[in-house]
């Protein structure tokens, strides 16, 4: 189980909070880095992990770094949120971090545009590191904004489809669905009703179904959120209307919003043993790579299968791709030891053995192309599905924005209204949401 798992509601809330705070950040550019990284120095590293196993993995990574760089000593502080990070960067001083990691890729646009983190392009160029050849395509995209690469990937999350192999066999389903039409057909075949509820639901399509969000579903399409001018593209790109229409039809076909919500109310906590996939209440589940270990720990009474999420019906040839996100790392603009700080960031994010060891320890997806194919990776054979999704150049992510993930909140709110029948005209809803997104971005600039 990993602290790097995406807690969607919490992540969106953090995005909103960060949007309010980051505008006051007074960071400077990375060009002023003048410290001598070969001299004895101490830097501070803030991260968000809190689980004892994850904290131990961070310590092992830092120990390995200090062994290679005996002159650089690292003070590590964990369980740090983006809010705490931003407040410290605003305050500056000796207590502020030099190196920072964040789980919220939605905030990269803010980190870069506010200059809270330095532009790493000069450091990468100086050290001969080509990001396009080092990191998977989607991870490469979510770590930069508007020409500024203020973060680099530090392990990733890939989303796929978990399925109950025993339920599949009982229903005569031979293999996992590859398109959304196939998903709908399989979901209906796996669904067993019980009175006015369900004995087993094939798939929970409602957006409050844990990781079932608009952006995660859109991973099955090829969405372009913004046009070349930075304006919302959700009206012009047919992927958005297609996904919203497809999800709404699945909600209706499986019993309707009210019935599904009533059943969802019986589910256990997303992070506990009573998760509905663990208990067999749902037969298929969209989730990240961490779910495999969590589910197996509960000793389920069925065999778990893992596959890529289905893709849009007209994109069957892209089956195998998925949605990616992850943890990012950067150098604080307020740091007076940016060269030394970069050495730690570079080690954690580009040293193949360091990336592999960290991935092995906390069961996340490695974040470099070399680490993804390293023979030192240790994993359940089913986990390879997520490694393949991460390496797939057709996999997608959500692009950074100047006001963080506010545009995703707007799109998700539209999704809520559509699935419950409050917004019946999807095109009109997209037009209104696009205007809302553009207005918010203009105000943030």
Protein backbone atom coordinates (compact mmCIF):
# COMPACT_ATOMS: atom_id res chain seq x y z
CA UNK A 1 0.00 0.00 0.00
CA UNK A 2 1.35 3.40 -0.87
CA UNK A 3 0.86 6.93 0.34
CA UNK A 4 1.30 7.90 -3.28
CA UNK A 5 -2.18 6.56 -4.05
CA UNK A 6 -4.55 9.19 -5.41
CA UNK A 7 -7.10 10.35 -2.89
CA UNK A 8 -9.17 12.20 -5.44
CA UNK A 9 -11.32 14.40 -3.19
CA UNK A 10 -8.37 15.28 -1.00
CA UNK A 11 -6.21 16.04 -4.01
CA UNK A 12 -8.81 18.37 -5.49
CA UNK A 13 -9.25 20.11 -2.15
CA UNK A 14 -5.49 20.56 -1.89
CA UNK A 15 -5.47 21.99 -5.39
CA UNK A 16 -8.10 24.56 -4.47
CA UNK A 17 -6.27 25.53 -1.28
CA UNK A 18 -2.95 25.81 -3.09
CA UNK A 19 -4.52 28.01 -5.76
CA UNK A 20 -5.44 30.54 -3.09
CA UNK A 21 -2.00 30.51 -1.51
CA UNK A 22 0.45 30.24 -4.38
CA UNK A 23 -0.31 33.63 -5.87
CA UNK A 24 1.53 35.16 -2.93
CA UNK A 25 4.68 33.10 -3.52
CA UNK A 26 7.78 35.17 -4.12
CA UNK A 27 10.19 32.59 -5.53
CA UNK A 28 13.04 33.54 -7.84
CA UNK A 29 14.37 31.83 -10.95
CA UNK A 30 16.91 28.98 -10.86
CA UNK A 31 19.56 30.98 -12.69
CA UNK A 32 20.89 32.32 -9.40
CA UNK A 33 22.08 28.92 -8.12
CA UNK A 34 25.65 29.60 -6.99
CA UNK A 35 26.35 27.19 -4.11
CA UNK A 36 29.21 24.74 -4.44
CA UNK A 37 27.70 21.26 -4.33
CA UNK A 38 31.15 19.72 -3.78
CA UNK A 39 31.54 21.37 -0.38
CA UNK A 40 30.19 20.09 2.93
CA UNK A 41 26.57 21.18 3.26
CA UNK A 42 23.20 20.21 4.71
CA UNK A 43 19.93 20.38 2.78
CA UNK A 44 16.35 19.82 3.90
CA UNK A 45 13.96 17.49 2.08
CA UNK A 46 10.19 17.61 2.64
CA UNK A 47 7.94 14.79 1.47
CA UNK A 48 4.35 13.65 2.00
CA UNK A 49 4.76 9.98 2.92
CA UNK A 50 3.75 8.94 6.44
CA UNK A 51 3.34 5.15 6.50
CA UNK A 52 6.25 3.57 8.44
CA UNK A 53 7.24 1.39 5.47
CA UNK A 54 7.22 4.37 3.13
CA UNK A 55 9.21 6.51 5.54
CA UNK A 56 11.77 3.71 5.81
CA UNK A 57 11.97 3.56 2.01
CA UNK A 58 12.67 7.30 1.85
CA UNK A 59 15.38 6.90 4.47
CA UNK A 60 16.99 4.09 2.46
CA UNK A 61 16.97 6.29 -0.66
CA UNK A 62 18.54 9.20 1.21
CA UNK A 63 21.12 6.89 2.82
CA UNK A 64 22.10 5.65 -0.64
CA UNK A 65 22.42 9.25 -1.84
CA UNK A 66 24.58 10.28 1.12
CA UNK A 67 26.82 7.27 0.48
CA UNK A 68 27.49 8.58 -3.04
CA UNK A 69 27.64 12.24 -1.93
CA UNK A 70 29.38 12.10 1.44
CA UNK A 71 29.61 15.90 1.62
CA UNK A 72 25.85 16.49 1.30
CA UNK A 73 23.81 15.74 4.40
CA UNK A 74 20.02 15.50 4.12
CA UNK A 75 17.54 16.45 6.83
CA UNK A 76 14.29 14.65 6.01
CA UNK A 77 10.84 15.79 7.14
CA UNK A 78 7.78 13.72 6.17
CA UNK A 79 3.99 13.98 6.13
CA UNK A 80 4.10 17.41 4.48
CA UNK A 81 1.09 18.68 2.50
CA UNK A 82 1.16 21.19 -0.35
CA UNK A 83 -0.35 23.78 1.99
CA UNK A 84 2.50 23.38 4.49
CA UNK A 85 5.04 23.45 1.67
CA UNK A 86 3.64 26.64 0.19
CA UNK A 87 3.48 28.40 3.55
CA UNK A 88 7.11 27.52 4.23
CA UNK A 89 8.20 28.73 0.79
CA UNK A 90 6.38 32.01 1.32
CA UNK A 91 8.06 32.49 4.67
CA UNK A 92 11.51 31.46 3.45
CA UNK A 93 14.35 31.39 5.94
CA UNK A 94 16.47 28.55 7.29
CA UNK A 95 13.47 26.36 8.13
CA UNK A 96 12.17 26.26 4.56
CA UNK A 97 12.84 23.11 2.49
CA UNK A 98 15.45 22.89 -0.24
CA UNK A 99 13.93 19.83 -1.93
CA UNK A 100 10.20 19.17 -2.07
CA UNK A 101 8.02 16.32 -3.29
CA UNK A 102 4.27 16.50 -3.84
CA UNK A 103 1.55 13.96 -4.60
CA UNK A 104 -0.58 16.58 -6.35
CA UNK A 105 0.42 16.77 -10.00
CA UNK A 106 -2.55 19.10 -10.51
CA UNK A 107 -0.53 21.77 -8.72
CA UNK A 108 2.47 21.68 -11.07
CA UNK A 109 1.08 24.57 -13.12
CA UNK A 110 0.98 26.66 -9.97
CA UNK A 111 4.41 25.54 -8.80
CA UNK A 112 5.88 26.60 -12.15
CA UNK A 113 3.93 29.79 -12.92
CA UNK A 114 4.34 31.21 -9.40
CA UNK A 115 8.06 30.32 -9.46
CA UNK A 116 7.71 28.49 -6.15
CA UNK A 117 10.01 25.83 -7.62
CA UNK A 118 12.98 26.58 -9.87
CA UNK A 119 13.11 25.73 -13.56
CA UNK A 120 15.07 22.47 -13.79
CA UNK A 121 15.76 22.73 -17.51
CA UNK A 122 19.19 24.40 -16.99
CA UNK A 123 20.21 21.66 -14.52
CA UNK A 124 19.05 18.86 -16.84
CA UNK A 125 20.84 20.41 -19.80
CA UNK A 126 24.02 20.95 -17.81
CA UNK A 127 24.08 17.30 -16.76
CA UNK A 128 23.19 15.95 -20.20
CA UNK A 129 19.81 14.51 -19.21
CA UNK A 130 17.19 14.45 -21.97
CA UNK A 131 13.74 14.32 -20.30
CA UNK A 132 12.11 12.95 -23.46
CA UNK A 133 14.43 9.96 -23.39
CA UNK A 134 14.41 9.58 -19.61
CA UNK A 135 10.78 9.75 -18.51
CA UNK A 136 7.56 8.18 -19.87
CA UNK A 137 5.66 10.56 -22.16
CA UNK A 138 2.69 11.29 -19.87
CA UNK A 139 4.93 11.77 -16.81
CA UNK A 140 7.08 14.09 -18.88
CA UNK A 141 3.99 16.15 -19.66
CA UNK A 142 2.62 16.58 -16.13
CA UNK A 143 5.93 17.79 -14.69
CA UNK A 144 6.16 21.01 -16.71
CA UNK A 145 4.02 24.01 -17.58
CA UNK A 146 4.27 26.70 -20.24
CA UNK A 147 7.84 25.84 -21.15
CA UNK A 148 9.04 25.64 -17.56
CA UNK A 149 9.97 22.25 -16.09
CA UNK A 150 9.85 22.95 -12.39
CA UNK A 151 9.42 19.31 -11.35
CA UNK A 152 10.49 15.82 -12.41
CA UNK A 153 8.64 12.52 -11.82
CA UNK A 154 9.30 10.61 -8.59
CA UNK A 155 7.46 7.30 -9.07
CA UNK A 156 4.08 7.13 -10.73
CA UNK A 157 0.55 5.79 -10.52
CA UNK A 158 -1.13 3.95 -13.38
CA UNK A 159 -4.84 3.16 -13.50
CA UNK A 160 -6.24 -0.12 -14.76
CA UNK A 161 -9.19 -2.49 -14.38
CA UNK A 162 -9.40 -5.02 -11.58
CA UNK A 163 -11.82 -7.88 -12.09
CA UNK A 164 -13.17 -10.87 -10.18
CA UNK A 165 -12.02 -13.90 -12.17
CA UNK A 166 -14.42 -16.22 -10.35
CA UNK A 167 -17.38 -13.98 -11.21
CA UNK A 168 -16.21 -13.83 -14.83
CA UNK A 169 -16.05 -17.62 -15.02
CA UNK A 170 -19.48 -18.05 -13.42
CA UNK A 171 -20.99 -15.60 -15.93
CA UNK A 172 -19.23 -17.18 -18.89
CA UNK A 173 -17.07 -14.12 -19.57
CA UNK A 174 -13.82 -15.26 -21.17
CA UNK A 175 -11.67 -12.13 -20.93
CA UNK A 176 -11.70 -8.56 -19.63
CA UNK A 177 -13.44 -5.93 -21.80
CA UNK A 178 -11.30 -3.89 -24.18
CA UNK A 179 -13.80 -1.17 -25.17
CA UNK A 180 -16.42 0.76 -23.25
CA UNK A 181 -19.22 -1.02 -25.11
CA UNK A 182 -17.71 -4.31 -24.01
CA UNK A 183 -17.40 -2.99 -20.46
CA UNK A 184 -21.11 -2.12 -20.46
CA UNK A 185 -22.07 -5.56 -21.78
CA UNK A 186 -19.87 -7.39 -19.27
CA UNK A 187 -21.05 -5.17 -16.40
CA UNK A 188 -24.67 -6.03 -17.17
CA UNK A 189 -23.86 -9.73 -17.46
CA UNK A 190 -22.12 -9.72 -14.08
CA UNK A 191 -24.85 -7.79 -12.28
CA UNK A 192 -27.18 -9.78 -10.02
CA UNK A 193 -30.15 -7.96 -8.56
CA UNK A 194 -31.62 -8.63 -5.14
CA UNK A 195 -35.00 -7.05 -4.45
CA UNK A 196 -34.63 -3.35 -5.17
CA UNK A 197 -30.83 -3.55 -4.81
CA UNK A 198 -27.96 -5.78 -5.94
CA UNK A 199 -26.41 -9.01 -4.84
CA UNK A 200 -23.47 -8.20 -7.10
CA UNK A 201 -22.87 -5.17 -9.30
CA UNK A 202 -20.77 -5.65 -12.41
CA UNK A 203 -19.20 -2.19 -12.24
CA UNK A 204 -19.95 0.98 -10.24
CA UNK A 205 -20.03 3.77 -12.85
CA UNK A 206 -21.02 6.66 -10.57
CA UNK A 207 -18.39 9.35 -10.15
CA UNK A 208 -18.43 9.06 -6.37
CA UNK A 209 -17.37 5.44 -6.82
CA UNK A 210 -13.91 6.13 -5.38
CA UNK A 211 -11.43 6.45 -8.28
CA UNK A 212 -14.23 6.81 -10.86
CA UNK A 213 -13.63 10.41 -11.91
CA UNK A 214 -14.05 12.23 -15.20
CA UNK A 215 -10.30 12.48 -15.77
CA UNK A 216 -9.71 8.80 -15.01
CA UNK A 217 -12.50 7.72 -17.36
CA UNK A 218 -11.14 10.03 -20.07
CA UNK A 219 -7.94 7.99 -20.05
CA UNK A 220 -9.82 5.64 -22.39
CA UNK A 221 -10.16 8.40 -24.97
CA UNK A 222 -7.48 10.81 -26.17
CA UNK A 223 -8.64 14.07 -24.59
CA UNK A 224 -7.18 17.48 -25.38
CA UNK A 225 -8.21 19.69 -22.46
CA UNK A 226 -6.81 22.95 -23.88
CA UNK A 227 -6.22 24.36 -27.35
CA UNK A 228 -3.03 26.03 -28.58
CA UNK A 229 -4.13 29.34 -27.05
CA UNK A 230 -4.67 27.83 -23.62
CA UNK A 231 -8.47 27.98 -23.89
CA UNK A 232 -10.68 25.12 -22.72
CA UNK A 233 -11.12 22.61 -25.53
CA UNK A 234 -13.83 20.46 -23.96
CA UNK A 235 -16.52 21.64 -26.42
CA UNK A 236 -14.45 21.25 -29.58
CA UNK A 237 -12.93 17.87 -28.69
CA UNK A 238 -15.63 15.19 -29.13
CA UNK A 239 -13.91 12.97 -26.56
CA UNK A 240 -15.54 14.85 -23.68
CA UNK A 241 -19.12 14.61 -24.89
CA UNK A 242 -18.52 10.97 -25.89
CA UNK A 243 -17.21 10.01 -22.44
CA UNK A 244 -19.96 11.86 -20.56
CA UNK A 245 -22.62 10.27 -22.78
CA UNK A 246 -21.09 6.79 -22.40
CA UNK A 247 -20.90 7.05 -18.61
CA UNK A 248 -24.46 8.34 -18.31
CA UNK A 249 -25.79 5.48 -20.47
CA UNK A 250 -23.96 2.95 -18.27
CA UNK A 251 -25.48 4.52 -15.14
CA UNK A 252 -28.96 4.20 -16.65
CA UNK A 253 -28.39 0.67 -17.99
CA UNK A 254 -27.23 -0.64 -14.61
CA UNK A 255 -30.31 0.55 -12.74
CA UNK A 256 -30.16 4.32 -12.65
CA UNK A 257 -28.46 6.90 -10.46
CA UNK A 258 -30.73 6.60 -7.40
CA UNK A 259 -30.50 2.81 -7.20
CA UNK A 260 -26.74 2.82 -7.70
CA UNK A 261 -26.22 5.53 -5.08
CA UNK A 262 -28.30 3.61 -2.57
CA UNK A 263 -26.12 0.54 -3.16
CA UNK A 264 -22.94 2.64 -2.99
CA UNK A 265 -23.97 3.80 0.49
CA UNK A 266 -23.45 0.21 1.67
CA UNK A 267 -19.80 0.15 0.59
CA UNK A 268 -16.89 0.14 3.02
CA UNK A 269 -14.07 2.67 3.14
CA UNK A 270 -11.91 2.98 0.03
CA UNK A 271 -8.75 2.29 2.03
CA UNK A 272 -10.13 -0.44 4.29
CA UNK A 273 -10.70 -4.19 4.13
CA UNK A 274 -14.40 -3.69 3.33
CA UNK A 275 -13.78 -2.04 -0.03
CA UNK A 276 -16.60 -3.33 -2.31
CA UNK A 277 -14.18 -5.01 -4.70
CA UNK A 278 -12.52 -6.89 -1.84
CA UNK A 279 -15.89 -8.09 -0.56
CA UNK A 280 -17.26 -9.08 -3.96
CA UNK A 281 -19.99 -6.42 -3.98
CA UNK A 282 -18.65 -5.18 -7.32
CA UNK A 283 -17.03 -7.48 -9.88
CA UNK A 284 -14.92 -4.88 -11.72
CA UNK A 285 -13.13 -1.83 -10.35
CA UNK A 286 -11.18 1.05 -11.87
CA UNK A 287 -8.18 1.62 -9.61
CA UNK A 288 -4.47 2.29 -9.34
CA UNK A 289 -1.57 -0.12 -9.00
CA UNK A 290 -1.70 0.02 -5.19
CA UNK A 291 -5.07 -1.78 -5.11
CA UNK A 292 -3.54 -5.16 -5.96
CA UNK A 293 -1.53 -5.38 -2.74
CA UNK A 294 -4.34 -3.91 -0.65
CA UNK A 295 -6.87 -6.38 -2.05
CA UNK A 296 -4.61 -9.40 -1.61
CA UNK A 297 -3.92 -8.42 2.00
CA UNK A 298 -7.64 -8.91 2.75
CA UNK A 299 -7.43 -12.52 1.49
CA UNK A 300 -10.41 -12.27 -0.88
CA UNK A 301 -12.46 -15.37 -1.63
CA UNK A 302 -11.84 -15.06 -5.37
CA UNK A 303 -8.95 -14.74 -7.81
CA UNK A 304 -8.08 -11.19 -8.82
CA UNK A 305 -7.40 -10.32 -12.44
CA UNK A 306 -5.76 -7.11 -13.69
CA UNK A 307 -6.07 -5.53 -17.14
CA UNK A 308 -5.87 -2.10 -18.79
CA UNK A 309 -9.02 0.00 -18.60
CA UNK A 310 -11.23 -0.27 -21.71
CA UNK A 311 -10.82 2.40 -24.38
CA UNK A 312 -13.30 4.31 -26.54
CA UNK A 313 -15.05 2.10 -29.10
CA UNK A 314 -13.38 3.87 -32.03
CA UNK A 315 -9.92 3.54 -30.44
CA UNK A 316 -9.69 -0.22 -29.95
CA UNK A 317 -6.22 -0.21 -31.51
CA UNK A 318 -5.01 1.86 -28.52
CA UNK A 319 -6.09 -0.74 -25.94
CA UNK A 320 -3.33 -1.10 -23.37
CA UNK A 321 -2.98 2.59 -22.61
CA UNK A 322 -4.25 4.22 -19.44
CA UNK A 323 -4.29 7.27 -17.21
CA UNK A 324 -1.08 8.23 -15.40
CA UNK A 325 -0.26 10.50 -12.51
CA UNK A 326 2.24 10.33 -9.66
CA UNK A 327 4.57 12.10 -7.28
CA UNK A 328 6.75 14.99 -8.41
CA UNK A 329 9.95 16.44 -6.98
CA UNK A 330 11.47 19.88 -7.30
CA UNK A 331 13.92 22.41 -5.89
CA UNK A 332 12.52 25.27 -3.83
CA UNK A 333 13.15 28.71 -5.31
CA UNK A 334 13.86 30.07 -1.83
CA UNK A 335 16.73 27.59 -1.33
CA UNK A 336 20.25 28.98 -1.11
CA UNK A 337 21.64 25.52 -1.86
CA UNK A 338 20.00 24.80 -5.21
CA UNK A 339 22.96 22.97 -6.77
CA UNK A 340 23.19 20.59 -3.82
CA UNK A 341 19.41 20.24 -3.79
CA UNK A 342 19.47 19.34 -7.48
CA UNK A 343 21.96 16.56 -6.80
CA UNK A 344 19.41 14.88 -4.49
CA UNK A 345 16.53 15.42 -6.92
CA UNK A 346 18.62 14.07 -9.79
CA UNK A 347 19.60 10.98 -7.79
CA UNK A 348 16.07 10.17 -6.63
CA UNK A 349 14.49 10.65 -10.06
CA UNK A 350 17.08 9.57 -12.64
CA UNK A 351 19.38 7.04 -10.97
CA UNK A 352 17.94 3.73 -12.19
CA UNK A 353 18.82 1.69 -9.11
CA UNK A 354 17.48 4.39 -6.78
CA UNK A 355 14.18 4.57 -8.68
CA UNK A 356 13.85 0.77 -8.82
CA UNK A 357 14.68 0.29 -5.13
CA UNK A 358 12.14 2.93 -4.12
CA UNK A 359 9.48 1.45 -6.43
CA UNK A 360 10.11 -2.03 -5.02
CA UNK A 361 9.81 -0.72 -1.47
CA UNK A 362 6.49 1.13 -1.80
CA UNK A 363 4.95 -0.77 -4.75
CA UNK A 364 4.55 2.21 -7.06
CA UNK A 365 5.31 2.41 -10.76
CA UNK A 366 8.91 3.40 -11.63
CA UNK A 367 9.17 6.80 -13.28
CA UNK A 368 11.98 6.36 -15.80
CA UNK A 369 11.98 4.33 -18.98
CA UNK A 370 15.13 2.48 -17.87
CA UNK A 371 13.70 1.62 -14.45
CA UNK A 372 10.48 0.29 -16.04
CA UNK A 373 12.49 -2.42 -17.79
CA UNK A 374 15.06 -3.07 -15.06
CA UNK A 375 15.61 -6.74 -14.18
CA UNK A 376 15.90 -5.64 -10.55
CA UNK A 377 12.20 -4.80 -10.35
CA UNK A 378 10.33 -7.14 -8.03
CA UNK A 379 6.59 -7.48 -8.54
CA UNK A 380 3.59 -9.76 -8.78
CA UNK A 381 3.27 -10.82 -12.46
CA UNK A 382 -0.08 -9.00 -12.61
CA UNK A 383 1.66 -5.75 -11.72
CA UNK A 384 3.28 -5.76 -15.16
CA UNK A 385 -0.02 -4.44 -16.52
CA UNK A 386 0.72 -1.14 -14.79
CA UNK A 387 4.35 -1.07 -15.93
CA UNK A 388 3.16 -1.52 -19.50
CA UNK A 389 0.56 1.25 -19.13
CA UNK A 390 3.26 3.60 -17.81
CA UNK A 391 5.59 2.79 -20.70
CA UNK A 392 2.83 3.10 -23.32
CA UNK A 393 3.32 6.37 -25.27
CA UNK A 394 -0.45 6.55 -25.87
CA UNK A 395 -1.20 6.73 -22.14
CA UNK A 396 -2.58 10.09 -21.06
CA UNK A 397 -2.59 12.44 -18.11
CA UNK A 398 -4.20 15.76 -17.19
CA UNK A 399 -2.18 18.83 -18.21
CA UNK A 400 -1.00 21.42 -15.67
CA UNK A 401 -2.85 24.74 -15.55
CA UNK A 402 -2.01 28.14 -14.11
CA UNK A 403 -4.71 27.69 -11.45
CA UNK A 404 -3.91 24.07 -10.68
CA UNK A 405 -6.68 21.50 -11.08
CA UNK A 406 -9.59 23.95 -10.89
CA UNK A 407 -10.60 23.01 -14.45
CA UNK A 408 -10.92 19.37 -13.37
CA UNK A 409 -13.20 20.37 -10.51
CA UNK A 410 -15.42 22.23 -13.00
CA UNK A 411 -15.55 19.24 -15.33
CA UNK A 412 -16.24 16.83 -12.48
CA UNK A 413 -19.09 19.01 -11.26
CA UNK A 414 -20.61 18.84 -14.74
CA UNK A 415 -20.25 15.06 -14.60
CA UNK A 416 -22.15 14.95 -11.31
CA UNK A 417 -25.00 16.97 -12.81
CA UNK A 418 -25.19 14.80 -15.93
CA UNK A 419 -25.18 11.42 -14.19
CA UNK A 420 -28.00 12.42 -11.83
CA UNK A 421 -30.06 13.90 -14.67
CA UNK A 422 -29.82 17.50 -13.50
CA UNK A 423 -28.03 18.53 -16.74
CA UNK A 424 -29.71 16.80 -19.68
CA UNK A 425 -28.10 18.78 -22.50
CA UNK A 426 -24.46 17.66 -22.49
CA UNK A 427 -23.37 20.10 -25.20
CA UNK A 428 -24.87 23.06 -23.33
CA UNK A 429 -23.26 21.82 -20.13
CA UNK A 430 -19.86 21.62 -21.78
CA UNK A 431 -20.22 25.13 -23.21
CA UNK A 432 -21.09 26.57 -19.81
CA UNK A 433 -18.25 24.65 -18.14
CA UNK A 434 -15.72 25.75 -20.77
CA UNK A 435 -16.68 29.39 -20.14
CA UNK A 436 -16.29 28.82 -16.39
CA UNK A 437 -12.84 27.26 -16.89
CA UNK A 438 -11.64 30.07 -19.17
CA UNK A 439 -12.88 32.77 -16.77
CA UNK A 440 -11.12 31.13 -13.82
CA UNK A 441 -7.84 30.82 -15.73
CA UNK A 442 -8.01 34.44 -16.91
CA UNK A 443 -8.55 35.58 -13.34
CA UNK A 444 -5.59 33.52 -12.10
CA UNK A 445 -3.12 35.03 -14.59
